């Protein structure tokens, strides 16, 4: 199997095996919830990863409802899947600010073919979470938003970090989206388990788009400089 085949198999076999989640939190598994997602996954990875080239990994937090939670492709909402990756999508068309930033950065890198040849994006927890309030409103929830959730999913995350490294990942540098809790968690984990030579953190795309969008070009250049530093 090549890189694409291994990722497709990894996604197809993803099922939550950790401890019970806290009350009001549910697991979000697009690979099991939507009939069209595995077809998208196969099209995307065969298009960009159909080789045995090793790549550096970028770890976000966990998939969101309007991006990877619908398409199965990290940081790729339905709009970007169609307009930037030219992969057919049938279903709810949504807009995720993080995906907007990522694909503007990818375009500056040289386009999806160039970027995905060098990098693989996922998360320490490849499945997402949502919380549901008393009125039934559902919102994204992060693995670190409560200690109870972090403790419940920790073995599942450990297992899936190891599985993702085995896809064909270079381990000298792991990039981390998030310079707060995600960076702190991953660096502490890496200090103990030595998965990677180092963790290099970058501001999360959601933070950039929500709080510093006027400086978006600065962050695009920061990303590019960081990524190119490991390729030299």
Foldseek 3Di string as FASTA:
>chain_A
DALLVLVLVVLLPDDADWADAPPQKDWQRQSPPDPCQSVLSSVQCCVAGVHRQAAAEEAEFEAFCQACSHNVAHLHGPVCCCPQVVDDDDDDHGDDQLSVLVQVLCVVLPGRNNVSSHYGYAHLQNIWMWGQDPVGDIGGDTCVNDPRSVVRCVVVSVVVVVSVVVSRYDAAEYEYADPPPRQVVVQVVCVVVVSHNYYHYAHHSVCCVPPPVVCSVVSSVVVSVVSVVVVD
